[in-house]
């Protein structure tokens, strides 16, 4: 084959090779998209099952242990007010907002109702957001629901990434008055291994 014929053959073969390579790339992309869609659909199904299961657990809790359920709901509202803080002004105002949910004894004795004379929020610039809580009841009766609560709070400084702090409380709730009668912060909880269990 002459040089001219080789060049012509090569010129004709290049577009064909490009089309074949393009088809191969397109097929590989379609396989990846279908795999991703399949995984997304499976995840959505699993999330749906988990939500239904959690809803059933909540319904069972409401019917079997209404006092525990009421305590959990009230504590969730209380900790939302307690740990969602974007400014010093919000920190200073939170005690007043939390007071309707607790007894006067809690207002006097709980760390969460203490003033901040050092203006730590202003000094540090930290922003905190209540994420969720895990309520672990230890006893429940018509007079009192007692337990421990782990409160998950996300916080960050200016443009830094979020960090999660877990505050641990001993709590008591009075179903008759619908008030928290004990709110003792006993420290923070640190996980050294897999946190997916919480």
N, C-alpha and C. Protein backbone atom coordinates (compact mmCIF):
# COMPACT_ATOMS: atom_id res chain seq x y z
N UNK A 1 0.85 -1.17 0.00
CA UNK A 1 0.00 0.00 0.00
C UNK A 1 0.90 1.24 0.00
N UNK A 2 0.52 2.18 -0.84
CA UNK A 2 1.33 3.38 -0.94
C UNK A 2 1.04 4.31 0.23
N UNK A 3 1.91 5.30 0.40
CA UNK A 3 1.74 6.26 1.50
C UNK A 3 0.45 7.03 1.36
N UNK A 4 0.06 7.37 0.16
CA UNK A 4 -1.17 8.14 -0.09
C UNK A 4 -2.38 7.30 0.31
N UNK A 5 -2.38 6.02 -0.07
CA UNK A 5 -3.49 5.13 0.28
C UNK A 5 -3.57 4.92 1.79
N UNK A 6 -2.42 4.82 2.43
CA UNK A 6 -2.40 4.66 3.90
C UNK A 6 -3.00 5.89 4.57
N UNK A 7 -2.67 7.08 4.04
CA UNK A 7 -3.21 8.31 4.62
C UNK A 7 -4.71 8.37 4.43
N UNK A 8 -5.19 7.99 3.24
CA UNK A 8 -6.63 7.99 2.97
C UNK A 8 -7.34 7.01 3.89
N UNK A 9 -6.78 5.83 4.05
CA UNK A 9 -7.39 4.82 4.91
C UNK A 9 -7.43 5.30 6.36
N UNK A 10 -6.36 5.94 6.75
CA UNK A 10 -6.30 6.47 8.12
C UNK A 10 -7.31 7.59 8.32
N UNK A 11 -7.46 8.47 7.31
CA UNK A 11 -8.44 9.54 7.39
C UNK A 11 -9.86 8.99 7.46
N UNK A 12 -10.15 7.91 6.74
CA UNK A 12 -11.48 7.28 6.79
C UNK A 12 -11.67 6.51 8.10
N UNK A 13 -10.62 5.96 8.62
CA UNK A 13 -10.73 5.14 9.85
C UNK A 13 -10.89 6.01 11.10
N UNK A 14 -10.32 7.20 11.10
CA UNK A 14 -10.39 8.08 12.29
C UNK A 14 -11.84 8.38 12.70
N UNK A 15 -12.69 8.85 11.80
CA UNK A 15 -14.08 9.11 12.21
C UNK A 15 -14.78 7.84 12.72
N UNK A 16 -14.51 6.74 12.08
CA UNK A 16 -15.14 5.48 12.50
C UNK A 16 -14.68 5.11 13.91
N UNK A 17 -13.38 5.27 14.18
CA UNK A 17 -12.85 4.98 15.52
C UNK A 17 -13.44 5.94 16.55
N UNK A 18 -13.60 7.19 16.16
CA UNK A 18 -14.17 8.17 17.08
C UNK A 18 -15.64 7.84 17.39
N UNK A 19 -16.38 7.41 16.38
CA UNK A 19 -17.78 7.02 16.59
C UNK A 19 -17.85 5.81 17.51
N UNK A 20 -16.99 4.84 17.29
CA UNK A 20 -16.97 3.63 18.12
C UNK A 20 -16.59 3.99 19.56
N UNK A 21 -15.58 4.85 19.71
CA UNK A 21 -15.18 5.28 21.07
C UNK A 21 -16.32 6.04 21.74
N UNK A 22 -16.99 6.92 20.99
CA UNK A 22 -18.13 7.67 21.53
C UNK A 22 -19.25 6.76 21.97
N UNK A 23 -19.56 5.75 21.16
CA UNK A 23 -20.61 4.78 21.53
C UNK A 23 -20.21 4.01 22.79
N UNK A 24 -18.95 3.63 22.88
CA UNK A 24 -18.47 2.92 24.07
C UNK A 24 -18.60 3.78 25.32
N UNK A 25 -18.23 5.05 25.20
CA UNK A 25 -18.34 5.98 26.32
C UNK A 25 -19.80 6.18 26.71
N UNK A 26 -20.67 6.34 25.70
CA UNK A 26 -22.10 6.53 25.95
C UNK A 26 -22.69 5.30 26.67
N UNK A 27 -22.33 4.12 26.22
CA UNK A 27 -22.83 2.89 26.87
C UNK A 27 -22.34 2.79 28.31
N UNK A 28 -21.09 3.12 28.53
CA UNK A 28 -20.55 3.08 29.90
C UNK A 28 -21.27 4.09 30.79
N UNK A 29 -21.56 5.27 30.23
CA UNK A 29 -22.29 6.29 31.00
C UNK A 29 -23.69 5.80 31.34
N UNK A 30 -24.37 5.16 30.37
CA UNK A 30 -25.72 4.66 30.61
C UNK A 30 -25.73 3.60 31.71
N UNK A 31 -24.75 2.74 31.72
CA UNK A 31 -24.64 1.71 32.77
C UNK A 31 -24.44 2.37 34.12
N UNK A 32 -23.57 3.38 34.18
CA UNK A 32 -23.32 4.09 35.45
C UNK A 32 -24.58 4.80 35.93
N UNK A 33 -25.32 5.43 35.00
CA UNK A 33 -26.56 6.13 35.37
C UNK A 33 -27.59 5.14 35.91
N UNK A 34 -27.74 4.00 35.23
CA UNK A 34 -28.72 3.00 35.69
C UNK A 34 -28.33 2.43 37.04
N UNK A 35 -27.04 2.21 37.26
CA UNK A 35 -26.57 1.72 38.56
C UNK A 35 -26.86 2.73 39.65
N UNK A 36 -26.59 4.01 39.36
CA UNK A 36 -26.85 5.08 40.33
C UNK A 36 -28.34 5.20 40.62
N UNK A 37 -29.17 5.13 39.58
CA UNK A 37 -30.62 5.21 39.77
C UNK A 37 -31.13 4.05 40.60
N UNK A 38 -30.59 2.88 40.33
CA UNK A 38 -30.99 1.70 41.09
C UNK A 38 -30.61 1.84 42.57
N UNK A 39 -29.40 2.34 42.82
CA UNK A 39 -28.97 2.54 44.21
C UNK A 39 -29.81 3.61 44.89
N UNK A 40 -30.13 4.69 44.16
CA UNK A 40 -30.97 5.76 44.72
C UNK A 40 -32.36 5.25 45.05
N UNK A 41 -32.92 4.45 44.14
CA UNK A 41 -34.25 3.88 44.38
C UNK A 41 -34.25 2.96 45.60
N UNK A 42 -33.21 2.16 45.72
CA UNK A 42 -33.10 1.26 46.87
C UNK A 42 -32.99 2.05 48.17
N UNK A 43 -32.21 3.13 48.14
CA UNK A 43 -32.06 3.98 49.32
C UNK A 43 -33.40 4.62 49.69
N UNK A 44 -34.14 5.08 48.68
CA UNK A 44 -35.46 5.68 48.94
C UNK A 44 -36.41 4.67 49.57
N UNK A 45 -36.37 3.43 49.08
CA UNK A 45 -37.21 2.37 49.65
C UNK A 45 -36.83 2.11 51.10
N UNK A 46 -35.52 2.04 51.38
CA UNK A 46 -35.06 1.80 52.75
C UNK A 46 -35.46 2.95 53.67
N UNK A 47 -35.33 4.20 53.18
CA UNK A 47 -35.73 5.36 53.98
C UNK A 47 -37.23 5.31 54.27
N UNK A 48 -38.00 4.96 53.27
CA UNK A 48 -39.46 4.88 53.45
C UNK A 48 -39.81 3.83 54.50
N UNK A 49 -39.15 2.67 54.44
CA UNK A 49 -39.38 1.62 55.44
C UNK A 49 -39.02 2.10 56.84
N UNK A 50 -37.89 2.81 56.94
CA UNK A 50 -37.45 3.31 58.24
C UNK A 50 -38.42 4.34 58.79
N UNK A 51 -38.91 5.24 57.93
CA UNK A 51 -39.88 6.24 58.37
C UNK A 51 -41.16 5.57 58.84
N UNK A 52 -41.64 4.57 58.10
CA UNK A 52 -42.86 3.85 58.51
C UNK A 52 -42.65 3.14 59.83
N UNK A 53 -41.46 2.52 59.98
CA UNK A 53 -41.16 1.81 61.23
C UNK A 53 -41.10 2.79 62.40
N UNK A 54 -40.46 3.96 62.19
CA UNK A 54 -40.37 4.97 63.24
C UNK A 54 -41.76 5.50 63.58
N UNK A 55 -42.60 5.67 62.57
CA UNK A 55 -43.96 6.14 62.79
C UNK A 55 -44.75 5.13 63.61
N UNK A 56 -44.57 3.83 63.30
CA UNK A 56 -45.25 2.78 64.07
C UNK A 56 -44.78 2.78 65.52
N UNK A 57 -43.47 2.94 65.71
CA UNK A 57 -42.92 2.98 67.07
C UNK A 57 -43.50 4.16 67.83
N UNK A 58 -43.59 5.32 67.15
CA UNK A 58 -44.17 6.51 67.78
C UNK A 58 -45.63 6.29 68.14
N UNK A 59 -46.38 5.65 67.26
CA UNK A 59 -47.79 5.37 67.52
C UNK A 59 -47.95 4.41 68.69
N UNK A 60 -47.11 3.38 68.72
CA UNK A 60 -47.15 2.42 69.84
C UNK A 60 -46.79 3.13 71.14
N UNK A 61 -45.76 3.99 71.09
CA UNK A 61 -45.35 4.73 72.28
C UNK A 61 -46.50 5.62 72.76
N UNK A 62 -47.17 6.31 71.84
CA UNK A 62 -48.29 7.17 72.21
C UNK A 62 -49.39 6.38 72.90
N UNK A 63 -49.69 5.19 72.37
CA UNK A 63 -50.80 4.42 72.93
C UNK A 63 -50.41 3.67 74.20
N UNK A 64 -49.19 3.17 74.28
CA UNK A 64 -48.76 2.37 75.43
C UNK A 64 -48.17 3.22 76.55
N UNK A 65 -47.44 4.25 76.17
CA UNK A 65 -46.76 5.09 77.15
C UNK A 65 -47.00 6.56 76.83
N UNK A 66 -48.23 7.04 76.98
CA UNK A 66 -48.51 8.44 76.61
C UNK A 66 -47.69 9.44 77.42
N UNK A 67 -47.37 9.11 78.66
CA UNK A 67 -46.58 10.05 79.48
C UNK A 67 -45.15 10.16 78.97
N UNK A 68 -44.59 9.04 78.51
CA UNK A 68 -43.24 9.06 77.95
C UNK A 68 -43.24 9.87 76.65
N UNK A 69 -44.27 9.66 75.85
CA UNK A 69 -44.38 10.39 74.60
C UNK A 69 -44.53 11.90 74.86
N UNK A 70 -45.36 12.27 75.83
CA UNK A 70 -45.54 13.68 76.17
C UNK A 70 -44.24 14.28 76.68
N UNK A 71 -43.51 13.53 77.51
CA UNK A 71 -42.22 14.00 78.02
C UNK A 71 -41.25 14.23 76.86
N UNK A 72 -41.19 13.29 75.94
CA UNK A 72 -40.28 13.39 74.80
C UNK A 72 -40.61 14.62 73.95
N UNK A 73 -41.89 14.85 73.70
CA UNK A 73 -42.30 16.01 72.89
C UNK A 73 -41.94 17.32 73.57
N UNK A 74 -42.21 17.41 74.87
CA UNK A 74 -41.91 18.64 75.60
C UNK A 74 -40.40 18.89 75.66
N UNK A 75 -39.64 17.84 75.92
CA UNK A 75 -38.18 17.99 75.98
C UNK A 75 -37.62 18.43 74.63
N UNK A 76 -38.18 17.91 73.55
CA UNK A 76 -37.72 18.30 72.22
C UNK A 76 -37.94 19.80 72.00
N UNK A 77 -39.10 20.31 72.39
CA UNK A 77 -39.36 21.76 72.27
C UNK A 77 -38.41 22.56 73.15
N UNK A 78 -38.20 22.07 74.38
CA UNK A 78 -37.34 22.76 75.33
C UNK A 78 -35.90 22.85 74.82
N UNK A 79 -35.37 21.72 74.32
CA UNK A 79 -33.98 21.73 73.85
C UNK A 79 -33.82 22.49 72.54
N UNK A 80 -34.88 22.59 71.75
CA UNK A 80 -34.81 23.43 70.55
C UNK A 80 -34.57 24.88 70.94
N UNK A 81 -35.30 25.34 71.96
CA UNK A 81 -35.10 26.70 72.46
C UNK A 81 -33.74 26.86 73.13
N UNK A 82 -33.34 25.83 73.88
CA UNK A 82 -32.12 25.88 74.67
C UNK A 82 -30.86 25.92 73.80
N UNK A 83 -30.84 25.17 72.71
CA UNK A 83 -29.60 24.98 71.97
C UNK A 83 -29.61 25.51 70.54
N UNK A 84 -30.57 26.34 70.18
CA UNK A 84 -30.52 27.00 68.88
C UNK A 84 -30.17 28.46 69.15
N UNK A 85 -28.88 28.77 68.99
CA UNK A 85 -28.36 30.07 69.39
C UNK A 85 -27.48 30.63 68.27
N UNK A 86 -27.92 31.74 67.70
CA UNK A 86 -27.15 32.36 66.62
C UNK A 86 -26.46 33.64 67.05
N UNK A 87 -26.84 34.16 68.23
CA UNK A 87 -26.25 35.42 68.68
C UNK A 87 -26.32 35.52 70.20
N UNK A 88 -25.60 36.48 70.75
CA UNK A 88 -25.63 36.71 72.20
C UNK A 88 -27.03 37.11 72.64
N UNK A 89 -27.71 37.87 71.81
CA UNK A 89 -29.07 38.32 72.14
C UNK A 89 -30.00 37.11 72.30
N UNK A 90 -29.88 36.13 71.39
CA UNK A 90 -30.70 34.91 71.48
C UNK A 90 -30.33 34.11 72.74
N UNK A 91 -29.04 34.06 73.04
CA UNK A 91 -28.62 33.35 74.25
C UNK A 91 -29.22 33.99 75.49
N UNK A 92 -29.17 35.31 75.55
CA UNK A 92 -29.69 36.03 76.71
C UNK A 92 -31.20 35.91 76.84
N UNK A 93 -31.90 35.70 75.72
CA UNK A 93 -33.36 35.62 75.74
C UNK A 93 -33.90 34.20 75.94
N UNK A 94 -33.04 33.20 75.82
CA UNK A 94 -33.55 31.82 75.82
C UNK A 94 -34.17 31.40 77.15
N UNK A 95 -33.64 31.87 78.27
CA UNK A 95 -34.19 31.48 79.58
C UNK A 95 -35.65 31.88 79.70
N UNK A 96 -35.97 33.07 79.23
CA UNK A 96 -37.35 33.55 79.30
C UNK A 96 -38.26 32.69 78.42
N UNK A 97 -37.77 32.28 77.27
CA UNK A 97 -38.56 31.44 76.37
C UNK A 97 -38.74 30.03 76.91
N UNK A 98 -37.76 29.53 77.67
CA UNK A 98 -37.80 28.17 78.20
C UNK A 98 -38.63 28.06 79.49
N UNK A 99 -38.80 29.15 80.20
CA UNK A 99 -39.45 29.14 81.51
C UNK A 99 -40.84 28.50 81.52
N UNK A 100 -41.70 28.68 80.52
CA UNK A 100 -43.03 28.06 80.56
C UNK A 100 -43.01 26.52 80.56
N UNK A 101 -41.87 25.92 80.22
CA UNK A 101 -41.80 24.46 80.12
C UNK A 101 -41.24 23.79 81.38
N UNK A 102 -40.82 24.60 82.36
CA UNK A 102 -40.14 24.04 83.54
C UNK A 102 -40.70 24.65 84.82
N UNK A 103 -40.36 24.00 85.94
CA UNK A 103 -40.75 24.54 87.24
C UNK A 103 -39.78 25.64 87.67
N UNK A 104 -40.18 26.43 88.66
CA UNK A 104 -39.31 27.50 89.17
C UNK A 104 -38.04 26.93 89.79
N UNK A 105 -38.12 25.73 90.34
CA UNK A 105 -36.95 25.07 90.90
C UNK A 105 -35.89 24.83 89.82
N UNK A 106 -36.34 24.42 88.64
CA UNK A 106 -35.41 24.22 87.52
C UNK A 106 -34.80 25.55 87.10
N UNK A 107 -35.62 26.60 87.04
CA UNK A 107 -35.12 27.93 86.67
C UNK A 107 -34.01 28.36 87.62
N UNK A 108 -34.17 28.08 88.91
CA UNK A 108 -33.17 28.48 89.90
C UNK A 108 -31.91 27.65 89.84
N UNK A 109 -32.04 26.35 89.55
CA UNK A 109 -30.91 25.43 89.73
C UNK A 109 -30.24 24.91 88.46
N UNK A 110 -30.90 24.94 87.33
CA UNK A 110 -30.33 24.35 86.12
C UNK A 110 -29.27 25.26 85.50
N UNK A 111 -28.18 24.65 85.04
CA UNK A 111 -27.12 25.39 84.34
C UNK A 111 -27.66 26.08 83.09
N UNK A 112 -28.69 25.51 82.49
CA UNK A 112 -29.21 26.04 81.24
C UNK A 112 -29.95 27.36 81.41
N UNK A 113 -30.20 27.76 82.68
CA UNK A 113 -30.87 29.02 82.95
C UNK A 113 -29.92 30.08 83.51
N UNK A 114 -28.65 29.74 83.60
CA UNK A 114 -27.67 30.69 84.15
C UNK A 114 -27.32 31.76 83.12
N UNK A 115 -27.14 32.97 83.60
CA UNK A 115 -26.77 34.10 82.73
C UNK A 115 -25.33 33.92 82.24
N UNK A 116 -25.00 34.66 81.21
CA UNK A 116 -23.66 34.63 80.63
C UNK A 116 -23.02 36.01 80.76
N UNK A 117 -22.49 36.34 81.96
CA UNK A 117 -21.92 37.68 82.15
C UNK A 117 -20.68 37.94 81.29
N UNK A 118 -20.00 36.86 80.88
CA UNK A 118 -18.79 37.02 80.08
C UNK A 118 -19.07 37.20 78.59
N UNK A 119 -20.34 37.07 78.21
CA UNK A 119 -20.75 37.24 76.79
C UNK A 119 -19.92 36.34 75.88
N UNK A 120 -19.91 35.06 76.20
CA UNK A 120 -19.07 34.10 75.47
C UNK A 120 -19.48 33.96 73.99
N UNK A 121 -20.77 34.08 73.70
CA UNK A 121 -21.20 33.96 72.31
C UNK A 121 -20.61 35.12 71.49
N UNK A 122 -20.65 36.31 72.05
CA UNK A 122 -20.08 37.48 71.36
C UNK A 122 -18.57 37.31 71.21
N UNK A 123 -17.90 36.85 72.26
CA UNK A 123 -16.44 36.70 72.23
C UNK A 123 -15.99 35.65 71.22
N UNK A 124 -16.68 34.51 71.20
CA UNK A 124 -16.24 33.41 70.35
C UNK A 124 -16.83 33.44 68.95
N UNK A 125 -18.03 34.01 68.80
CA UNK A 125 -18.69 34.01 67.50
C UNK A 125 -19.27 32.66 67.13
N UNK A 126 -19.41 31.77 68.09
CA UNK A 126 -19.93 30.44 67.81
C UNK A 126 -21.43 30.51 67.54
N UNK A 127 -21.88 29.68 66.62
CA UNK A 127 -23.31 29.55 66.30
C UNK A 127 -23.69 28.10 66.58
N UNK A 128 -24.77 27.92 67.37
CA UNK A 128 -25.19 26.57 67.74
C UNK A 128 -26.59 26.29 67.23
N UNK A 129 -26.81 25.03 66.82
CA UNK A 129 -28.11 24.62 66.34
C UNK A 129 -28.46 23.25 66.93
N UNK A 130 -29.63 23.18 67.56
CA UNK A 130 -30.13 21.91 68.08
C UNK A 130 -30.39 20.98 66.90
N UNK A 131 -29.85 19.77 66.97
CA UNK A 131 -30.05 18.80 65.89
C UNK A 131 -31.16 17.81 66.25
N UNK A 132 -30.95 17.08 67.33
CA UNK A 132 -31.98 16.15 67.81
C UNK A 132 -31.58 15.67 69.20
N UNK A 133 -32.44 14.85 69.79
CA UNK A 133 -32.13 14.30 71.11
C UNK A 133 -32.52 12.83 71.13
N UNK A 134 -31.88 12.09 72.01
CA UNK A 134 -32.28 10.72 72.31
C UNK A 134 -32.72 10.69 73.76
N UNK A 135 -34.00 10.37 73.96
CA UNK A 135 -34.56 10.31 75.31
C UNK A 135 -34.57 8.85 75.75
N UNK A 136 -33.94 8.57 76.88
CA UNK A 136 -33.83 7.21 77.40
C UNK A 136 -34.55 7.15 78.74
N UNK A 137 -35.87 6.86 78.73
CA UNK A 137 -36.61 6.84 79.99
C UNK A 137 -36.15 5.68 80.88
N UNK A 138 -36.03 5.96 82.18
CA UNK A 138 -35.66 4.91 83.14
C UNK A 138 -36.85 4.48 83.99
N UNK A 139 -37.84 5.37 84.12
CA UNK A 139 -39.07 5.01 84.83
C UNK A 139 -40.19 5.93 84.37
N UNK A 140 -41.41 5.38 84.40
CA UNK A 140 -42.56 6.18 83.97
C UNK A 140 -43.78 5.78 84.79
N UNK A 141 -44.46 6.80 85.33
CA UNK A 141 -45.70 6.57 86.08
C UNK A 141 -46.62 7.76 85.82
N UNK A 142 -47.76 7.76 86.46
CA UNK A 142 -48.69 8.87 86.31
C UNK A 142 -48.16 10.14 86.98
N UNK A 143 -47.19 9.98 87.88
CA UNK A 143 -46.66 11.13 88.61
C UNK A 143 -45.37 11.69 88.01
N UNK A 144 -44.55 10.83 87.43
CA UNK A 144 -43.25 11.30 86.92
C UNK A 144 -42.69 10.37 85.85
N UNK A 145 -42.03 10.97 84.88
CA UNK A 145 -41.25 10.23 83.89
C UNK A 145 -39.81 10.69 84.09
N UNK A 146 -38.93 9.73 84.38
CA UNK A 146 -37.52 10.05 84.62
C UNK A 146 -36.66 9.38 83.57
N UNK A 147 -35.53 9.99 83.29
CA UNK A 147 -34.62 9.39 82.33
C UNK A 147 -33.41 10.24 82.05
N UNK A 148 -32.67 9.80 81.06
CA UNK A 148 -31.50 10.53 80.59
C UNK A 148 -31.78 10.99 79.17
N UNK A 149 -31.21 12.13 78.83
CA UNK A 149 -31.34 12.66 77.47
C UNK A 149 -29.95 12.97 76.95
N UNK A 150 -29.70 12.55 75.72
CA UNK A 150 -28.48 12.96 75.02
C UNK A 150 -28.93 13.95 73.95
N UNK A 151 -28.46 15.19 74.08
CA UNK A 151 -28.84 16.26 73.16
C UNK A 151 -27.69 16.47 72.16
N UNK A 152 -28.01 16.41 70.89
CA UNK A 152 -27.03 16.57 69.82
C UNK A 152 -27.11 18.01 69.31
N UNK A 153 -25.99 18.73 69.45
CA UNK A 153 -25.94 20.14 69.07
C UNK A 153 -24.83 20.33 68.03
N UNK A 154 -25.18 20.95 66.92
CA UNK A 154 -24.18 21.27 65.90
C UNK A 154 -23.73 22.71 66.12
N UNK A 155 -22.43 22.94 66.04
CA UNK A 155 -21.91 24.29 66.24
C UNK A 155 -20.76 24.55 65.28
N UNK A 156 -20.57 25.82 64.98
CA UNK A 156 -19.43 26.19 64.14
C UNK A 156 -19.01 27.63 64.41
N UNK A 157 -17.78 27.90 64.09
CA UNK A 157 -17.22 29.25 64.20
C UNK A 157 -17.08 29.82 62.80
N UNK A 158 -17.78 30.89 62.54
CA UNK A 158 -17.73 31.60 61.26
C UNK A 158 -17.84 30.63 60.09
N UNK A 159 -16.80 30.48 59.29
CA UNK A 159 -16.89 29.65 58.09
C UNK A 159 -16.37 28.22 58.28
N UNK A 160 -16.13 27.82 59.51
CA UNK A 160 -15.60 26.48 59.74
C UNK A 160 -16.71 25.43 59.63
N UNK A 161 -16.30 24.18 59.51
CA UNK A 161 -17.27 23.08 59.38
C UNK A 161 -17.97 22.84 60.71
N UNK A 162 -19.16 22.24 60.63
CA UNK A 162 -19.93 21.92 61.83
C UNK A 162 -19.22 20.87 62.68
N UNK A 163 -19.35 21.03 63.99
CA UNK A 163 -18.90 20.01 64.94
C UNK A 163 -20.13 19.63 65.76
N UNK A 164 -20.21 18.36 66.16
CA UNK A 164 -21.35 17.91 66.95
C UNK A 164 -20.91 17.67 68.38
N UNK A 165 -21.65 18.26 69.31
CA UNK A 165 -21.42 18.05 70.74
C UNK A 165 -22.66 17.35 71.28
N UNK A 166 -22.44 16.41 72.18
CA UNK A 166 -23.55 15.68 72.80
C UNK A 166 -23.57 16.02 74.29
N UNK A 167 -24.65 16.68 74.71
CA UNK A 167 -24.81 17.03 76.11
C UNK A 167 -25.72 15.99 76.77
N UNK A 168 -25.34 15.56 77.97
CA UNK A 168 -26.11 14.54 78.68
C UNK A 168 -26.82 15.18 79.87
N UNK A 169 -28.09 14.85 80.01
CA UNK A 169 -28.93 15.39 81.08
C UNK A 169 -29.62 14.27 81.84
N UNK A 170 -29.83 14.51 83.14
CA UNK A 170 -30.82 13.76 83.92
C UNK A 170 -32.07 14.62 83.92
N UNK A 171 -33.20 14.02 83.57
CA UNK A 171 -34.44 14.80 83.48
C UNK A 171 -35.58 14.09 84.20
N UNK A 172 -36.53 14.90 84.66
CA UNK A 172 -37.78 14.40 85.22
C UNK A 172 -38.90 15.27 84.68
N UNK A 173 -39.99 14.61 84.29
CA UNK A 173 -41.14 15.29 83.72
C UNK A 173 -42.38 14.93 84.54
N UNK A 174 -43.20 15.93 84.84
CA UNK A 174 -44.44 15.70 85.59
C UNK A 174 -45.61 15.72 84.61
N UNK A 175 -46.25 14.56 84.36
CA UNK A 175 -47.35 14.51 83.39
C UNK A 175 -48.57 15.34 83.80
N UNK A 176 -48.78 15.50 85.11
CA UNK A 176 -49.96 16.24 85.58
C UNK A 176 -49.84 17.73 85.30
N UNK A 177 -48.65 18.28 85.50
CA UNK A 177 -48.45 19.72 85.27
C UNK A 177 -47.91 20.01 83.87
N UNK A 178 -47.46 18.97 83.16
CA UNK A 178 -46.83 19.10 81.85
C UNK A 178 -45.61 20.02 81.92
N UNK A 179 -44.80 19.82 83.00
CA UNK A 179 -43.59 20.61 83.20
C UNK A 179 -42.39 19.71 83.47
N UNK A 180 -41.22 20.18 83.10
CA UNK A 180 -39.98 19.49 83.45
C UNK A 180 -39.62 19.93 84.86
N UNK A 181 -39.42 18.95 85.75
CA UNK A 181 -39.11 19.26 87.15
C UNK A 181 -37.63 19.05 87.49
N UNK A 182 -36.89 18.45 86.57
CA UNK A 182 -35.44 18.27 86.75
C UNK A 182 -34.79 18.41 85.38
N UNK A 183 -33.75 19.24 85.33
CA UNK A 183 -33.00 19.45 84.10
C UNK A 183 -31.54 19.63 84.49
N UNK A 184 -30.89 18.52 84.78
CA UNK A 184 -29.50 18.56 85.26
C UNK A 184 -28.54 18.15 84.16
N UNK A 185 -27.78 19.12 83.65
CA UNK A 185 -26.76 18.78 82.66
C UNK A 185 -25.59 18.17 83.40
N UNK A 186 -25.25 16.93 83.06
CA UNK A 186 -24.22 16.22 83.80
C UNK A 186 -22.90 16.12 83.04
N UNK A 187 -22.88 16.65 81.82
CA UNK A 187 -21.62 16.64 81.07
C UNK A 187 -21.85 16.44 79.60
N UNK A 188 -20.74 16.19 78.90
CA UNK A 188 -20.81 15.91 77.47
C UNK A 188 -20.46 14.46 77.25
N UNK A 189 -20.92 13.95 76.14
CA UNK A 189 -20.76 12.54 75.81
C UNK A 189 -19.90 12.44 74.57
N UNK A 190 -18.79 11.71 74.65
CA UNK A 190 -17.91 11.57 73.50
C UNK A 190 -17.90 10.13 73.04
N UNK A 191 -18.01 9.96 71.72
CA UNK A 191 -17.96 8.62 71.14
C UNK A 191 -16.57 8.39 70.57
N UNK A 192 -15.99 7.26 70.89
CA UNK A 192 -14.67 6.96 70.39
C UNK A 192 -14.74 6.03 69.19
N UNK A 193 -15.93 5.47 68.92
CA UNK A 193 -16.04 4.53 67.80
C UNK A 193 -17.22 4.94 66.94
N UNK A 194 -17.88 3.98 66.34
CA UNK A 194 -18.97 4.22 65.39
C UNK A 194 -20.14 4.91 66.07
N UNK A 195 -20.54 6.07 65.54
CA UNK A 195 -21.65 6.81 66.14
C UNK A 195 -22.98 6.50 65.46
N UNK A 196 -23.00 5.58 64.52
CA UNK A 196 -24.24 5.31 63.79
C UNK A 196 -25.30 4.66 64.65
N UNK A 197 -24.92 4.18 65.84
CA UNK A 197 -25.91 3.56 66.73
C UNK A 197 -26.78 4.59 67.40
N UNK A 198 -26.37 5.85 67.40
CA UNK A 198 -27.17 6.88 68.09
C UNK A 198 -28.01 7.65 67.12
